[in-house]
C-alpha atoms as a PDB file:
ATOM      1  CA  MET A   1       0.000   0.000   0.000  1.00  0.00           C
ATOM      2  CA  VAL A   2       1.225   3.491  -0.827  1.00  0.00           C
ATOM      3  CA  SER A   3       2.075   5.160   2.468  1.00  0.00           C
ATOM      4  CA  GLU A   4       0.245   8.282   3.562  1.00  0.00           C
ATOM      5  CA  ASP A   5       3.635  10.030   3.845  1.00  0.00           C
ATOM      6  CA  LEU A   6       4.384   9.360   0.170  1.00  0.00           C
ATOM      7  CA  LEU A   7       0.867  10.302  -0.885  1.00  0.00           C
ATOM      8  CA  ALA A   8       1.251  13.647   0.903  1.00  0.00           C
ATOM      9  CA  LEU A   9       4.325  14.405  -1.243  1.00  0.00           C
ATOM     10  CA  LEU A  10       2.903  13.419  -4.629  1.00  0.00           C
ATOM     11  CA  VAL A  11       1.164  15.920  -6.898  1.00  0.00           C
ATOM     12  CA  CYS A  12      -0.423  15.600 -10.307  1.00  0.00           C
ATOM     13  CA  PRO A  13       2.295  15.539 -12.979  1.00  0.00           C
ATOM     14  CA  MET A  14       0.065  17.562 -15.317  1.00  0.00           C
ATOM     15  CA  ASP A  15       0.141  20.858 -13.425  1.00  0.00           C
ATOM     16  CA  GLN A  16       2.672  19.847 -10.750  1.00  0.00           C
ATOM     17  CA  LYS A  17       0.639  21.276  -7.874  1.00  0.00           C
ATOM     18  CA  SER A  18      -2.764  19.600  -7.593  1.00  0.00           C
ATOM     19  CA  SER A  19      -3.153  17.012  -4.867  1.00  0.00           C
ATOM     20  CA  LEU A  20      -3.995  13.374  -5.476  1.00  0.00           C
ATOM     21  CA  ARG A  21      -6.487  11.159  -3.685  1.00  0.00           C
ATOM     22  CA  ARG A  22      -6.423   7.392  -3.520  1.00  0.00           C
ATOM     23  CA  GLU A  23      -9.305   5.519  -5.140  1.00  0.00           C
ATOM     24  CA  GLY A  24      -8.803   1.775  -5.009  1.00  0.00           C
ATOM     25  CA  ASP A  25      -5.701   0.883  -7.021  1.00  0.00           C
ATOM     26  CA  ALA A  26      -5.212   4.369  -8.465  1.00  0.00           C
ATOM     27  CA  LEU A  27      -4.317   7.928  -7.576  1.00  0.00           C
ATOM     28  CA  VAL A  28      -6.690  10.539  -8.984  1.00  0.00           C
ATOM     29  CA  CYS A  29      -5.953  14.216  -9.533  1.00  0.00           C
ATOM     30  CA  THR A  30      -8.347  16.284  -7.433  1.00  0.00           C
ATOM     31  CA  ARG A  31      -8.466  18.994 -10.099  1.00  0.00           C
ATOM     32  CA  CYS A  32      -8.487  17.503 -13.577  1.00  0.00           C
ATOM     33  CA  GLY A  33      -9.260  13.848 -12.858  1.00  0.00           C
ATOM     34  CA  PRO A  34      -6.735  11.583 -14.627  1.00  0.00           C
ATOM     35  CA  ARG A  35      -6.182   8.266 -12.847  1.00  0.00           C
ATOM     36  CA  PHE A  36      -2.657   6.990 -12.259  1.00  0.00           C
ATOM     37  CA  ALA A  37      -2.504   3.254 -11.640  1.00  0.00           C
ATOM     38  CA  ILE A  38      -0.749   1.761  -8.630  1.00  0.00           C
ATOM     39  CA  LYS A  39       0.915  -1.576  -9.287  1.00  0.00           C
ATOM     40  CA  ASP A  40       2.944  -3.457  -6.683  1.00  0.00           C
ATOM     41  CA  ASP A  41       2.652  -0.406  -4.391  1.00  0.00           C
ATOM     42  CA  ILE A  42       4.321   1.846  -6.996  1.00  0.00           C
ATOM     43  CA  PRO A  43       2.301   4.703  -8.511  1.00  0.00           C
ATOM     44  CA  ASN A  44       2.706   5.027 -12.278  1.00  0.00           C
ATOM     45  CA  MET A  45       2.837   8.797 -12.717  1.00  0.00           C
ATOM     46  CA  LEU A  46       3.480   8.767 -16.476  1.00  0.00           C
ATOM     47  CA  ILE A  47       1.026  11.178 -18.055  1.00  0.00           C
ATOM     48  CA  GLU A  48       0.790   9.226 -21.300  1.00  0.00           C
ATOM     49  CA  GLU A  49      -0.270   6.092 -19.372  1.00  0.00           C
ATOM     50  CA  ALA A  50      -2.918   7.793 -17.212  1.00  0.00           C
ATOM     51  CA  GLU A  51      -6.580   6.899 -17.613  1.00  0.00           C
ATOM     52  CA  LEU A  52      -8.457  10.018 -18.672  1.00  0.00           C
ATOM     53  CA  PRO A  53     -11.675  10.987 -16.886  1.00  0.00           C
ATOM     54  CA  PRO A  54     -15.061  10.523 -18.588  1.00  0.00           C
ATOM     55  CA  GLY A  55     -15.637  13.107 -21.302  1.00  0.00           C
ATOM     56  CA  CYS A  56     -11.939  13.555 -22.069  1.00  0.00           C
ATOM     57  CA  ASP A  57     -10.792  12.000 -25.307  1.00  0.00           C
ATOM     58  CA  ALA A  58      -7.305  13.521 -25.161  1.00  0.00           C
ATOM     59  CA  LEU A  59      -4.956  15.226 -22.708  1.00  0.00           C
ATOM     60  CA  THR A  60      -5.842  18.554 -24.322  1.00  0.00           C
ATOM     61  CA  ASP A  61      -9.423  18.124 -23.030  1.00  0.00           C
ATOM     62  CA  LEU A  62      -8.303  18.271 -19.375  1.00  0.00           C
ATOM     63  CA  GLU A  63      -9.362  21.383 -17.469  1.00  0.00           C
ATOM     64  CA  CYS A  64      -5.791  22.171 -16.361  1.00  0.00           C
ATOM     65  CA  VAL A  65      -4.576  22.155 -19.990  1.00  0.00           C
ATOM     66  CA  ARG A  66      -7.514  24.215 -21.272  1.00  0.00           C
ATOM     67  CA  SER A  67      -6.919  26.828 -18.553  1.00  0.00           C
ATOM     68  CA  GLY A  68      -3.218  27.072 -19.429  1.00  0.00           C
ATOM     69  CA  ASP A  69      -1.968  25.723 -16.083  1.00  0.00           C
ATOM     70  CA  ALA A  70      -0.496  22.638 -17.766  1.00  0.00           C
ATOM     71  CA  ARG A  71       0.997  22.034 -21.170  1.00  0.00           C
ATOM     72  CA  VAL A  72       1.197  18.915 -23.279  1.00  0.00           C
ATOM     73  CA  ASP A  73       3.209  18.339 -26.410  1.00  0.00           C
ATOM     74  CA  VAL A  74       0.835  17.243 -29.119  1.00  0.00           C
ATOM     75  CA  PRO A  75       2.437  15.648 -32.178  1.00  0.00           C
END
């Protein structure tokens, strides 16, 4: 299990300031909603491997990207 001490240090990699909450086997950004899987007690914080929230078809649909608080490189 991811320790509460580690969870307190982690932030969303999209905007690098939003907190994360634990939901089952994932960490979820409290602002824009992507889910980062936890496997073998290790959070996978890779943006390109995150599960997007409902209604988001691409990273550019996330609220933090639309507001300009986060940037993504789109090929």
